[in-house]
C-alpha atoms as a PDB file:
ATOM      1  CA  ILE A   1       0.000   0.000   0.000  1.00  0.00           C
ATOM      2  CA  SER A   2       1.145   3.485  -0.851  1.00  0.00           C
ATOM      3  CA  TYR A   3       0.230   6.528   1.238  1.00  0.00           C
ATOM      4  CA  THR A   4      -0.289  10.195   0.486  1.00  0.00           C
ATOM      5  CA  PHE A   5       0.233  12.900   3.097  1.00  0.00           C
ATOM      6  CA  ILE A   6      -1.959  15.960   2.670  1.00  0.00           C
ATOM      7  CA  VAL A   7      -1.582  19.325   4.375  1.00  0.00           C
ATOM      8  CA  PRO A   8      -5.081  20.755   4.801  1.00  0.00           C
ATOM      9  CA  THR A   9      -5.609  24.142   3.200  1.00  0.00           C
ATOM     10  CA  CYS A  10      -8.220  25.527   5.595  1.00  0.00           C
ATOM     11  CA  ILE A  11      -9.729  25.055   9.037  1.00  0.00           C
ATOM     12  CA  LYS A  12     -12.922  23.722   7.404  1.00  0.00           C
ATOM     13  CA  ASP A  13     -10.932  20.715   6.122  1.00  0.00           C
ATOM     14  CA  ILE A  14      -9.660  20.012   9.638  1.00  0.00           C
ATOM     15  CA  VAL A  15     -13.115  20.287  11.193  1.00  0.00           C
ATOM     16  CA  GLN A  16     -14.484  17.957   8.498  1.00  0.00           C
ATOM     17  CA  GLU A  17     -11.671  15.465   9.209  1.00  0.00           C
ATOM     18  CA  GLY A  18     -12.567  15.470  12.902  1.00  0.00           C
ATOM     19  CA  ASN A  19     -16.248  14.976  12.166  1.00  0.00           C
ATOM     20  CA  ILE A  20     -15.629  12.067   9.797  1.00  0.00           C
ATOM     21  CA  GLN A  21     -13.010  10.459  12.058  1.00  0.00           C
ATOM     22  CA  HIS A  22     -15.006  11.121  15.250  1.00  0.00           C
ATOM     23  CA  HIS A  23     -12.070  12.698  17.050  1.00  0.00           C
ATOM     24  CA  CYS A  24     -11.241  16.157  18.356  1.00  0.00           C
ATOM     25  CA  VAL A  25      -8.850  17.536  15.705  1.00  0.00           C
ATOM     26  CA  GLY A  26     -11.481  20.130  14.800  1.00  0.00           C
ATOM     27  CA  SER A  27     -10.985  21.683  18.234  1.00  0.00           C
ATOM     28  CA  TYR A  28      -7.317  22.345  17.340  1.00  0.00           C
ATOM     29  CA  SER A  29      -8.293  25.372  15.230  1.00  0.00           C
ATOM     30  CA  ASP A  30      -6.884  27.990  17.604  1.00  0.00           C
ATOM     31  CA  MET A  31      -3.646  26.032  18.050  1.00  0.00           C
ATOM     32  CA  ILE A  32      -3.291  25.663  14.287  1.00  0.00           C
ATOM     33  CA  ILE A  33      -3.865  29.370  13.687  1.00  0.00           C
ATOM     34  CA  ALA A  34      -1.272  30.122  16.397  1.00  0.00           C
ATOM     35  CA  LYS A  35       1.102  27.633  14.706  1.00  0.00           C
ATOM     36  CA  GLU A  36       1.192  25.531  17.869  1.00  0.00           C
ATOM     37  CA  ALA A  37      -0.067  22.488  15.974  1.00  0.00           C
ATOM     38  CA  ARG A  38       0.480  21.258  12.425  1.00  0.00           C
ATOM     39  CA  ILE A  39      -2.044  18.779  11.094  1.00  0.00           C
ATOM     40  CA  VAL A  40      -1.472  16.403   8.192  1.00  0.00           C
ATOM     41  CA  PHE A  41      -3.887  13.862   6.743  1.00  0.00           C
ATOM     42  CA  MET A  42      -2.619  10.405   5.810  1.00  0.00           C
ATOM     43  CA  ARG A  43      -4.547   8.739   3.012  1.00  0.00           C
ATOM     44  CA  ASP A  44      -4.360   5.580   0.967  1.00  0.00           C
ATOM     45  CA  SER A  45      -2.891   6.842  -2.322  1.00  0.00           C
ATOM     46  CA  ASN A  46      -5.669   5.023  -4.196  1.00  0.00           C
ATOM     47  CA  ASP A  47      -8.366   6.838  -2.187  1.00  0.00           C
ATOM     48  CA  THR A  48      -7.180  10.272  -1.099  1.00  0.00           C
ATOM     49  CA  LYS A  49     -10.695  11.461  -0.228  1.00  0.00           C
ATOM     50  CA  THR A  50     -11.267   8.979   2.608  1.00  0.00           C
ATOM     51  CA  PRO A  51      -9.644   9.796   5.979  1.00  0.00           C
ATOM     52  CA  LEU A  52      -7.252   7.176   7.293  1.00  0.00           C
ATOM     53  CA  VAL A  53      -4.963   8.764   9.906  1.00  0.00           C
ATOM     54  CA  THR A  54      -4.784  12.301  11.277  1.00  0.00           C
ATOM     55  CA  ILE A  55      -1.263  13.382  12.234  1.00  0.00           C
ATOM     56  CA  ASP A  56      -0.079  16.216  14.476  1.00  0.00           C
ATOM     57  CA  ILE A  57       3.569  17.251  14.104  1.00  0.00           C
ATOM     58  CA  ASP A  58       5.501  19.957  15.928  1.00  0.00           C
ATOM     59  CA  GLU A  59       7.487  22.821  14.388  1.00  0.00           C
ATOM     60  CA  ASN A  60      10.523  20.544  14.034  1.00  0.00           C
ATOM     61  CA  TYR A  61       8.506  17.851  12.252  1.00  0.00           C
ATOM     62  CA  ASN A  62       8.483  15.526  15.246  1.00  0.00           C
ATOM     63  CA  LEU A  63       5.399  13.385  15.685  1.00  0.00           C
ATOM     64  CA  VAL A  64       3.105  14.640  18.437  1.00  0.00           C
ATOM     65  CA  GLU A  65       0.331  12.131  17.780  1.00  0.00           C
ATOM     66  CA  ALA A  66      -1.315  10.092  15.057  1.00  0.00           C
ATOM     67  CA  LYS A  67      -4.854   8.804  15.421  1.00  0.00           C
ATOM     68  CA  LYS A  68      -7.299   6.802  13.368  1.00  0.00           C
ATOM     69  CA  ALA A  69     -11.077   7.055  13.682  1.00  0.00           C
ATOM     70  CA  PHE A  70     -12.462   7.289  17.214  1.00  0.00           C
ATOM     71  CA  ASN A  71      -8.935   8.145  18.503  1.00  0.00           C
ATOM     72  CA  GLU A  72      -7.745   4.620  17.788  1.00  0.00           C
ATOM     73  CA  ASP A  73      -3.972   4.271  17.826  1.00  0.00           C
ATOM     74  CA  VAL A  74      -2.260   3.591  14.527  1.00  0.00           C
ATOM     75  CA  ASP A  75      -1.083   0.088  13.779  1.00  0.00           C
ATOM     76  CA  MET A  76       2.516  -0.897  13.030  1.00  0.00           C
ATOM     77  CA  ILE A  77       2.092  -0.564   9.241  1.00  0.00           C
ATOM     78  CA  HIS A  78       0.774   2.996   9.508  1.00  0.00           C
ATOM     79  CA  SER A  79       3.346   3.867  12.155  1.00  0.00           C
ATOM     80  CA  LYS A  80       6.209   2.738   9.917  1.00  0.00           C
ATOM     81  CA  ALA A  81       4.814   4.739   6.980  1.00  0.00           C
ATOM     82  CA  ILE A  82       4.444   7.862   9.141  1.00  0.00           C
ATOM     83  CA  ASN A  83       7.972   7.532  10.532  1.00  0.00           C
ATOM     84  CA  LYS A  84       9.359   7.069   7.019  1.00  0.00           C
ATOM     85  CA  TRP A  85       7.483  10.160   5.803  1.00  0.00           C
ATOM     86  CA  ILE A  86       8.738  12.239   8.759  1.00  0.00           C
ATOM     87  CA  LYS A  87      12.305  11.121   8.094  1.00  0.00           C
ATOM     88  CA  GLU A  88      11.918  12.148   4.442  1.00  0.00           C
ATOM     89  CA  ILE A  89      10.528  15.613   5.191  1.00  0.00           C
ATOM     90  CA  LYS A  90      13.226  16.244   7.795  1.00  0.00           C
ATOM     91  CA  SER A  91      15.881  15.528   5.167  1.00  0.00           C
ATOM     92  CA  LEU A  92      14.535  18.156   2.740  1.00  0.00           C
END
């Protein structure tokens, strides 16, 4: 499986992600505006419209948290993909 990492373009996208995933990322709006949180959506590359994992990274691109629907922890496959992606963006 291949994954795509998407940076949301507006708060509406983040609120929608939280509603679909049934978690609280939509409440991060103030932190995102203040640049205290950076949200990224992880999608299956074959279905980039359907939420898979919501990721919060800090200003140094360190993982703060990654959650699936209903705040479920990510599994090992998703965790490895996220860590690989973070390593790649840190090397840019």
